[in-house]
Every structure is written in C-alpha cells, then in structure tokens.
Amino acid sequence: MRFWIEVNYYLAATGELEKAAQACEQWQQTYPRDYVPYGNAGFILAILGNQEKALEEVRESFRLQPNDEITYNNLVSVFTNLNR
C-alpha cells in the first residue's frame, strides 16, 4: 500500500513523474509478481515520452495479469503512440 500511495502522490499531488517512476521501480523490486507497478511505470514512461521502455513495462504487466482492462488500455495506448 505504501508504494501505491507514494506513486499516486507524485503523480497527482506534485506532478513529479521521475519520482513516481522511481517509486514504481522500488515497488517492482519489492513485489516482482505484482502487475500494477509495471502498468503504472508504463503509463508514466509514456507521458515522459519513452515509448519503447513504456512498452516493455506494459508488456510485463500484461504478462502478469492478462485479464485486466487497464492493462489492455495501456498496451493499446503505447502501441498507438508507437504507430504500431
């Protein structure tokens, strides 16, 4: 729960996307089988303009949880951003 709060604080309250991305990395290292930090990282990286890295993160999120609609949405968004 701490990581979720931290990521959302940086996203919504301060707008510090780099810190939000770092919090996602820590979350992934602590809970590597949780799909949420990969999806969040992909979303943040896409906003920052790093579409290829965003695609890697979103694909990992999809691999871990293929039945989540937000994961599908993130995957489609990144593919669209990459014109694929």
PDB file of N, CA and C in Angstrom:
ATOM      1  N   MET A   1       0.817  -1.192   0.000  1.00  0.00           N
ATOM      2  CA  MET A   1       0.000   0.000   0.000  1.00  0.00           C
ATOM      3  C   MET A   1       0.866   1.264   0.000  1.00  0.00           C
ATOM      4  N   ARG A   2       2.021   1.188   0.672  1.00  0.00           N
ATOM      5  CA  ARG A   2       2.900   2.352   0.752  1.00  0.00           C
ATOM      6  C   ARG A   2       3.337   2.806  -0.640  1.00  0.00           C
ATOM      7  N   PHE A   3       3.700   1.834  -1.492  1.00  0.00           N
ATOM      8  CA  PHE A   3       4.163   2.187  -2.827  1.00  0.00           C
ATOM      9  C   PHE A   3       3.039   2.804  -3.650  1.00  0.00           C
ATOM     10  N   TRP A   4       1.852   2.250  -3.539  1.00  0.00           N
ATOM     11  CA  TRP A   4       0.705   2.789  -4.274  1.00  0.00           C
ATOM     12  C   TRP A   4       0.479   4.251  -3.894  1.00  0.00           C
ATOM     13  N   ILE A   5       0.530   4.525  -2.594  1.00  0.00           N
ATOM     14  CA  ILE A   5       0.332   5.897  -2.111  1.00  0.00           C
ATOM     15  C   ILE A   5       1.443   6.809  -2.624  1.00  0.00           C
ATOM     16  N   GLU A   6       2.666   6.329  -2.553  1.00  0.00           N
ATOM     17  CA  GLU A   6       3.806   7.138  -2.991  1.00  0.00           C
ATOM     18  C   GLU A   6       3.723   7.473  -4.482  1.00  0.00           C
ATOM     19  N   VAL A   7       3.445   6.470  -5.295  1.00  0.00           N
ATOM     20  CA  VAL A   7       3.339   6.701  -6.741  1.00  0.00           C
ATOM     21  C   VAL A   7       2.225   7.693  -7.044  1.00  0.00           C
ATOM     22  N   ASN A   8       1.078   7.493  -6.448  1.00  0.00           N
ATOM     23  CA  ASN A   8      -0.049   8.382  -6.718  1.00  0.00           C
ATOM     24  C   ASN A   8       0.157   9.775  -6.158  1.00  0.00           C
ATOM     25  N   TYR A   9       0.886   9.897  -5.069  1.00  0.00           N
ATOM     26  CA  TYR A   9       1.226  11.216  -4.528  1.00  0.00           C
ATOM     27  C   TYR A   9       2.062  11.985  -5.553  1.00  0.00           C
ATOM     28  N   TYR A  10       3.103  11.342  -6.075  1.00  0.00           N
ATOM     29  CA  TYR A  10       3.959  12.012  -7.056  1.00  0.00           C
ATOM     30  C   TYR A  10       3.219  12.290  -8.366  1.00  0.00           C
ATOM     31  N   LEU A  11       2.335  11.410  -8.753  1.00  0.00           N
ATOM     32  CA  LEU A  11       1.564  11.627  -9.987  1.00  0.00           C
ATOM     33  C   LEU A  11       0.551  12.751  -9.839  1.00  0.00           C
ATOM     34  N   ALA A  12      -0.274  12.663  -8.808  1.00  0.00           N
ATOM     35  CA  ALA A  12      -1.422  13.565  -8.693  1.00  0.00           C
ATOM     36  C   ALA A  12      -1.141  14.833  -7.894  1.00  0.00           C
ATOM     37  N   ALA A  13      -0.393  14.712  -6.814  1.00  0.00           N
ATOM     38  CA  ALA A  13      -0.213  15.866  -5.932  1.00  0.00           C
ATOM     39  C   ALA A  13       0.934  16.771  -6.356  1.00  0.00           C
ATOM     40  N   THR A  14       2.071  16.175  -6.708  1.00  0.00           N
ATOM     41  CA  THR A  14       3.240  17.010  -7.011  1.00  0.00           C
ATOM     42  C   THR A  14       3.579  17.069  -8.501  1.00  0.00           C
ATOM     43  N   GLY A  15       3.143  16.076  -9.251  1.00  0.00           N
ATOM     44  CA  GLY A  15       3.463  16.032 -10.678  1.00  0.00           C
ATOM     45  C   GLY A  15       4.905  15.654 -10.964  1.00  0.00           C
ATOM     46  N   GLU A  16       5.594  15.107  -9.975  1.00  0.00           N
ATOM     47  CA  GLU A  16       6.989  14.708 -10.151  1.00  0.00           C
ATOM     48  C   GLU A  16       7.048  13.307 -10.759  1.00  0.00           C
ATOM     49  N   LEU A  17       6.993  13.262 -12.089  1.00  0.00           N
ATOM     50  CA  LEU A  17       6.895  11.982 -12.790  1.00  0.00           C
ATOM     51  C   LEU A  17       8.133  11.116 -12.626  1.00  0.00           C
ATOM     52  N   GLU A  18       9.307  11.731 -12.568  1.00  0.00           N
ATOM     53  CA  GLU A  18      10.524  10.951 -12.393  1.00  0.00           C
ATOM     54  C   GLU A  18      10.521  10.245 -11.038  1.00  0.00           C
ATOM     55  N   LYS A  19      10.060  10.945 -10.001  1.00  0.00           N
ATOM     56  CA  LYS A  19       9.982  10.319  -8.679  1.00  0.00           C
ATOM     57  C   LYS A  19       8.920   9.224  -8.657  1.00  0.00           C
ATOM     58  N   ALA A  20       7.842   9.432  -9.378  1.00  0.00           N
ATOM     59  CA  ALA A  20       6.808   8.395  -9.473  1.00  0.00           C
ATOM     60  C   ALA A  20       7.382   7.156 -10.153  1.00  0.00           C
ATOM     61  N   ALA A  21       8.168   7.356 -11.215  1.00  0.00           N
ATOM     62  CA  ALA A  21       8.793   6.231 -11.919  1.00  0.00           C
ATOM     63  C   ALA A  21       9.770   5.495 -10.999  1.00  0.00           C
ATOM     64  N   GLN A  22      10.531   6.241 -10.193  1.00  0.00           N
ATOM     65  CA  GLN A  22      11.462   5.613  -9.247  1.00  0.00           C
ATOM     66  C   GLN A  22      10.711   4.794  -8.202  1.00  0.00           C
ATOM     67  N   ALA A  23       9.584   5.321  -7.739  1.00  0.00           N
ATOM     68  CA  ALA A  23       8.772   4.587  -6.765  1.00  0.00           C
ATOM     69  C   ALA A  23       8.241   3.293  -7.387  1.00  0.00           C
ATOM     70  N   CYS A  24       7.883   3.343  -8.681  1.00  0.00           N
ATOM     71  CA  CYS A  24       7.436   2.131  -9.380  1.00  0.00           C
ATOM     72  C   CYS A  24       8.555   1.102  -9.432  1.00  0.00           C
ATOM     73  N   GLU A  25       9.785   1.559  -9.691  1.00  0.00           N
ATOM     74  CA  GLU A  25      10.926   0.638  -9.722  1.00  0.00           C
ATOM     75  C   GLU A  25      11.123  -0.043  -8.381  1.00  0.00           C
ATOM     76  N   GLN A  26      11.032   0.721  -7.302  1.00  0.00           N
ATOM     77  CA  GLN A  26      11.179   0.143  -5.964  1.00  0.00           C
ATOM     78  C   GLN A  26      10.062  -0.862  -5.698  1.00  0.00           C
ATOM     79  N   TRP A  27       8.861  -0.518  -6.135  1.00  0.00           N
ATOM     80  CA  TRP A  27       7.703  -1.403  -5.970  1.00  0.00           C
ATOM     81  C   TRP A  27       7.950  -2.714  -6.709  1.00  0.00           C
ATOM     82  N   GLN A  28       8.445  -2.611  -7.945  1.00  0.00           N
ATOM     83  CA  GLN A  28       8.726  -3.809  -8.751  1.00  0.00           C
ATOM     84  C   GLN A  28       9.781  -4.682  -8.088  1.00  0.00           C
ATOM     85  N   GLN A  29      10.807  -4.067  -7.523  1.00  0.00           N
ATOM     86  CA  GLN A  29      11.872  -4.832  -6.873  1.00  0.00           C
ATOM     87  C   GLN A  29      11.363  -5.535  -5.616  1.00  0.00           C
ATOM     88  N   THR A  30      10.451  -4.873  -4.915  1.00  0.00           N
ATOM     89  CA  THR A  30       9.924  -5.441  -3.678  1.00  0.00           C
ATOM     90  C   THR A  30       8.874  -6.514  -3.952  1.00  0.00           C
ATOM     91  N   TYR A  31       8.028  -6.277  -4.957  1.00  0.00           N
ATOM     92  CA  TYR A  31       6.938  -7.199  -5.297  1.00  0.00           C
ATOM     93  C   TYR A  31       6.981  -7.499  -6.803  1.00  0.00           C
ATOM     94  N   PRO A  32       7.913  -8.328  -7.256  1.00  0.00           N
ATOM     95  CA  PRO A  32       8.102  -8.542  -8.690  1.00  0.00           C
ATOM     96  C   PRO A  32       6.941  -9.240  -9.404  1.00  0.00           C
ATOM     97  N   ARG A  33       6.041  -9.870  -8.667  1.00  0.00           N
ATOM     98  CA  ARG A  33       4.908 -10.547  -9.318  1.00  0.00           C
ATOM     99  C   ARG A  33       3.635  -9.708  -9.316  1.00  0.00           C
ATOM    100  N   ASP A  34       3.725  -8.487  -8.814  1.00  0.00           N
ATOM    101  CA  ASP A  34       2.579  -7.571  -8.808  1.00  0.00           C
ATOM    102  C   ASP A  34       2.573  -6.824 -10.144  1.00  0.00           C
ATOM    103  N   TYR A  35       1.483  -6.923 -10.867  1.00  0.00           N
ATOM    104  CA  TYR A  35       1.415  -6.309 -12.194  1.00  0.00           C
ATOM    105  C   TYR A  35       1.222  -4.792 -12.156  1.00  0.00           C
ATOM    106  N   VAL A  36       0.689  -4.261 -11.076  1.00  0.00           N
ATOM    107  CA  VAL A  36       0.336  -2.834 -11.005  1.00  0.00           C
ATOM    108  C   VAL A  36       1.541  -1.905 -11.199  1.00  0.00           C
ATOM    109  N   PRO A  37       2.682  -2.132 -10.543  1.00  0.00           N
ATOM    110  CA  PRO A  37       3.778  -1.183 -10.742  1.00  0.00           C
ATOM    111  C   PRO A  37       4.322  -1.166 -12.167  1.00  0.00           C
ATOM    112  N   TYR A  38       4.201  -2.282 -12.871  1.00  0.00           N
ATOM    113  CA  TYR A  38       4.647  -2.314 -14.268  1.00  0.00           C
ATOM    114  C   TYR A  38       3.709  -1.486 -15.152  1.00  0.00           C
ATOM    115  N   GLY A  39       2.419  -1.611 -14.903  1.00  0.00           N
ATOM    116  CA  GLY A  39       1.452  -0.806 -15.645  1.00  0.00           C
ATOM    117  C   GLY A  39       1.611   0.670 -15.349  1.00  0.00           C
ATOM    118  N   ASN A  40       1.802   0.994 -14.065  1.00  0.00           N
ATOM    119  CA  ASN A  40       2.000   2.393 -13.696  1.00  0.00           C
ATOM    120  C   ASN A  40       3.274   2.956 -14.318  1.00  0.00           C
ATOM    121  N   ALA A  41       4.346   2.172 -14.280  1.00  0.00           N
ATOM    122  CA  ALA A  41       5.604   2.615 -14.870  1.00  0.00           C
ATOM    123  C   ALA A  41       5.438   2.847 -16.371  1.00  0.00           C
ATOM    124  N   GLY A  42       4.735   1.948 -17.039  1.00  0.00           N
ATOM    125  CA  GLY A  42       4.489   2.126 -18.468  1.00  0.00           C
ATOM    126  C   GLY A  42       3.717   3.401 -18.753  1.00  0.00           C
ATOM    127  N   PHE A  43       2.698   3.663 -17.957  1.00  0.00           N
ATOM    128  CA  PHE A  43       1.902   4.877 -18.102  1.00  0.00           C
ATOM    129  C   PHE A  43       2.775   6.128 -17.922  1.00  0.00           C
ATOM    130  N   ILE A  44       3.591   6.127 -16.879  1.00  0.00           N
ATOM    131  CA  ILE A  44       4.452   7.278 -16.583  1.00  0.00           C
ATOM    132  C   ILE A  44       5.499   7.467 -17.676  1.00  0.00           C
ATOM    133  N   LEU A  45       6.137   6.385 -18.094  1.00  0.00           N
ATOM    134  CA  LEU A  45       7.157   6.480 -19.137  1.00  0.00           C
ATOM    135  C   LEU A  45       6.567   6.966 -20.456  1.00  0.00           C
ATOM    136  N   ALA A  46       5.336   6.572 -20.745  1.00  0.00           N
ATOM    137  CA  ALA A  46       4.681   7.051 -21.965  1.00  0.00           C
ATOM    138  C   ALA A  46       4.478   8.567 -21.895  1.00  0.00           C
ATOM    139  N   ILE A  47       4.071   9.063 -20.746  1.00  0.00           N
ATOM    140  CA  ILE A  47       3.907  10.508 -20.573  1.00  0.00           C
ATOM    141  C   ILE A  47       5.247  11.218 -20.744  1.00  0.00           C
ATOM    142  N   LEU A  48       6.307  10.605 -20.221  1.00  0.00           N
ATOM    143  CA  LEU A  48       7.639  11.196 -20.321  1.00  0.00           C
ATOM    144  C   LEU A  48       8.230  11.078 -21.727  1.00  0.00           C
ATOM    145  N   GLY A  49       7.552  10.332 -22.606  1.00  0.00           N
ATOM    146  CA  GLY A  49       7.997  10.220 -23.991  1.00  0.00           C
ATOM    147  C   GLY A  49       8.891   9.037 -24.285  1.00  0.00           C
ATOM    148  N   ASN A  50       9.110   8.168 -23.329  1.00  0.00           N
ATOM    149  CA  ASN A  50       9.947   6.985 -23.542  1.00  0.00           C
ATOM    150  C   ASN A  50       9.043   5.803 -23.897  1.00  0.00           C
ATOM    151  N   GLN A  51       8.569   5.799 -25.132  1.00  0.00           N
ATOM    152  CA  GLN A  51       7.563   4.826 -25.564  1.00  0.00           C
ATOM    153  C   GLN A  51       8.089   3.392 -25.599  1.00  0.00           C
ATOM    154  N   GLU A  52       9.333   3.204 -26.004  1.00  0.00           N
ATOM    155  CA  GLU A  52       9.875   1.841 -26.076  1.00  0.00           C
ATOM    156  C   GLU A  52       9.980   1.217 -24.691  1.00  0.00           C
ATOM    157  N   LYS A  53      10.473   1.974 -23.735  1.00  0.00           N
ATOM    158  CA  LYS A  53      10.560   1.470 -22.359  1.00  0.00           C
ATOM    159  C   LYS A  53       9.158   1.291 -21.783  1.00  0.00           C
ATOM    160  N   ALA A  54       8.250   2.199 -22.123  1.00  0.00           N
ATOM    161  CA  ALA A  54       6.858   2.068 -21.675  1.00  0.00           C
ATOM    162  C   ALA A  54       6.269   0.757 -22.175  1.00  0.00           C
ATOM    163  N   LEU A  55       6.565   0.418 -23.428  1.00  0.00           N
ATOM    164  CA  LEU A  55       6.057  -0.826 -24.000  1.00  0.00           C
ATOM    165  C   LEU A  55       6.587  -2.042 -23.236  1.00  0.00           C
ATOM    166  N   GLU A  56       7.864  -2.018 -22.865  1.00  0.00           N
ATOM    167  CA  GLU A  56       8.433  -3.128 -22.085  1.00  0.00           C
ATOM    168  C   GLU A  56       7.686  -3.299 -20.760  1.00  0.00           C
ATOM    169  N   GLU A  57       7.451  -2.186 -20.089  1.00  0.00           N
ATOM    170  CA  GLU A  57       6.787  -2.238 -18.789  1.00  0.00           C
ATOM    171  C   GLU A  57       5.345  -2.735 -18.920  1.00  0.00           C
ATOM    172  N   VAL A  58       4.640  -2.215 -19.907  1.00  0.00           N
ATOM    173  CA  VAL A  58       3.238  -2.600 -20.089  1.00  0.00           C
ATOM    174  C   VAL A  58       3.134  -4.060 -20.516  1.00  0.00           C
ATOM    175  N   ARG A  59       4.063  -4.518 -21.325  1.00  0.00           N
ATOM    176  CA  ARG A  59       4.055  -5.939 -21.712  1.00  0.00           C
ATOM    177  C   ARG A  59       4.259  -6.847 -20.500  1.00  0.00           C
ATOM    178  N   GLU A  60       5.126  -6.424 -19.586  1.00  0.00           N
ATOM    179  CA  GLU A  60       5.333  -7.223 -18.373  1.00  0.00           C
ATOM    180  C   GLU A  60       4.066  -7.219 -17.525  1.00  0.00           C
ATOM    181  N   SER A  61       3.414  -6.087 -17.425  1.00  0.00           N
ATOM    182  CA  SER A  61       2.149  -6.003 -16.699  1.00  0.00           C
ATOM    183  C   SER A  61       1.124  -6.944 -17.321  1.00  0.00           C
ATOM    184  N   PHE A  62       1.058  -6.951 -18.649  1.00  0.00           N
ATOM    185  CA  PHE A  62       0.125  -7.825 -19.373  1.00  0.00           C
ATOM    186  C   PHE A  62       0.468  -9.298 -19.148  1.00  0.00           C
ATOM    187  N   ARG A  63       1.764  -9.609 -19.125  1.00  0.00           N
ATOM    188  CA  ARG A  63       2.182 -10.998 -18.891  1.00  0.00           C
ATOM    189  C   ARG A  63       1.734 -11.465 -17.501  1.00  0.00           C
ATOM    190  N   LEU A  64       1.858 -10.579 -16.532  1.00  0.00           N
ATOM    191  CA  LEU A  64       1.495 -10.936 -15.163  1.00  0.00           C
ATOM    192  C   LEU A  64      -0.012 -10.968 -14.931  1.00  0.00           C
ATOM    193  N   GLN A  65      -0.757 -10.136 -15.664  1.00  0.00           N
ATOM    194  CA  GLN A  65      -2.216 -10.056 -15.457  1.00  0.00           C
ATOM    195  C   GLN A  65      -2.912  -9.766 -16.793  1.00  0.00           C
ATOM    196  N   PRO A  66      -3.091 -10.795 -17.613  1.00  0.00           N
ATOM    197  CA  PRO A  66      -3.660 -10.571 -18.949  1.00  0.00           C
ATOM    198  C   PRO A  66      -5.158 -10.254 -18.963  1.00  0.00           C
ATOM    199  N   ASN A  67      -5.842 -10.368 -17.845  1.00  0.00           N
ATOM    200  CA  ASN A  67      -7.292 -10.160 -17.831  1.00  0.00           C
ATOM    201  C   ASN A  67      -7.721  -8.827 -17.240  1.00  0.00           C
ATOM    202  N   ASP A  68      -6.811  -7.872 -17.157  1.00  0.00           N
ATOM    203  CA  ASP A  68      -7.127  -6.572 -16.576  1.00  0.00           C
ATOM    204  C   ASP A  68      -7.374  -5.559 -17.687  1.00  0.00           C
ATOM    205  N   GLU A  69      -8.499  -4.862 -17.635  1.00  0.00           N
ATOM    206  CA  GLU A  69      -8.844  -3.930 -18.715  1.00  0.00           C
ATOM    207  C   GLU A  69      -7.918  -2.728 -18.774  1.00  0.00           C
ATOM    208  N   ILE A  70      -7.391  -2.284 -17.639  1.00  0.00           N
ATOM    209  CA  ILE A  70      -6.458  -1.155 -17.652  1.00  0.00           C
ATOM    210  C   ILE A  70      -5.168  -1.564 -18.338  1.00  0.00           C
ATOM    211  N   THR A  71      -4.741  -2.798 -18.126  1.00  0.00           N
ATOM    212  CA  THR A  71      -3.544  -3.308 -18.790  1.00  0.00           C
ATOM    213  C   THR A  71      -3.741  -3.308 -20.305  1.00  0.00           C
ATOM    214  N   TYR A  72      -4.895  -3.763 -20.755  1.00  0.00           N
ATOM    215  CA  TYR A  72      -5.203  -3.716 -22.194  1.00  0.00           C
ATOM    216  C   TYR A  72      -5.171  -2.284 -22.713  1.00  0.00           C
ATOM    217  N   ASN A  73      -5.786  -1.381 -21.981  1.00  0.00           N
ATOM    218  CA  ASN A  73      -5.835   0.022 -22.390  1.00  0.00           C
ATOM    219  C   ASN A  73      -4.425   0.607 -22.500  1.00  0.00           C
ATOM    220  N   ASN A  74      -3.580   0.328 -21.501  1.00  0.00           N
ATOM    221  CA  ASN A  74      -2.206   0.824 -21.541  1.00  0.00           C
ATOM    222  C   ASN A  74      -1.447   0.250 -22.731  1.00  0.00           C
ATOM    223  N   LEU A  75      -1.651  -1.027 -23.007  1.00  0.00           N
ATOM    224  CA  LEU A  75      -0.973  -1.680 -24.119  1.00  0.00           C
ATOM    225  C   LEU A  75      -1.390  -1.056 -25.449  1.00  0.00           C
ATOM    226  N   VAL A  76      -2.674  -0.856 -25.628  1.00  0.00           N
ATOM    227  CA  VAL A  76      -3.179  -0.231 -26.857  1.00  0.00           C
ATOM    228  C   VAL A  76      -2.652   1.196 -26.996  1.00  0.00           C
ATOM    229  N   SER A  77      -2.634   1.936 -25.898  1.00  0.00           N
ATOM    230  CA  SER A  77      -2.153   3.324 -25.937  1.00  0.00           C
ATOM    231  C   SER A  77      -0.695   3.408 -26.357  1.00  0.00           C
ATOM    232  N   VAL A  78       0.134   2.543 -25.798  1.00  0.00           N
ATOM    233  CA  VAL A  78       1.552   2.578 -26.144  1.00  0.00           C
ATOM    234  C   VAL A  78       1.762   2.148 -27.590  1.00  0.00           C
ATOM    235  N   PHE A  79       1.072   1.099 -28.022  1.00  0.00           N
ATOM    236  CA  PHE A  79       1.175   0.690 -29.431  1.00  0.00           C
ATOM    237  C   PHE A  79       0.719   1.820 -30.359  1.00  0.00           C
ATOM    238  N   THR A  80      -0.320   2.525 -29.976  1.00  0.00           N
ATOM    239  CA  THR A  80      -0.789   3.657 -30.775  1.00  0.00           C
ATOM    240  C   THR A  80       0.267   4.753 -30.825  1.00  0.00           C
ATOM    241  N   ASN A  81       0.865   5.057 -29.686  1.00  0.00           N
ATOM    242  CA  ASN A  81       1.910   6.075 -29.641  1.00  0.00           C
ATOM    243  C   ASN A  81       3.100   5.706 -30.513  1.00  0.00           C
ATOM    244  N   LEU A  82       3.352   4.415 -30.655  1.00  0.00           N
ATOM    245  CA  LEU A  82       4.464   3.925 -31.485  1.00  0.00           C
ATOM    246  C   LEU A  82       4.045   3.689 -32.942  1.00  0.00           C
ATOM    247  N   ASN A  83       2.800   4.021 -33.277  1.00  0.00           N
ATOM    248  CA  ASN A  83       2.265   3.805 -34.631  1.00  0.00           C
ATOM    249  C   ASN A  83       2.363   2.343 -35.054  1.00  0.00           C
ATOM    250  N   ARG A  84       2.045   1.458 -34.128  1.00  0.00           N
ATOM    251  CA  ARG A  84       2.067   0.013 -34.432  1.00  0.00           C
ATOM    252  C   ARG A  84       0.674  -0.550 -34.375  1.00  0.00           C
TER     253      ARG A  84
END
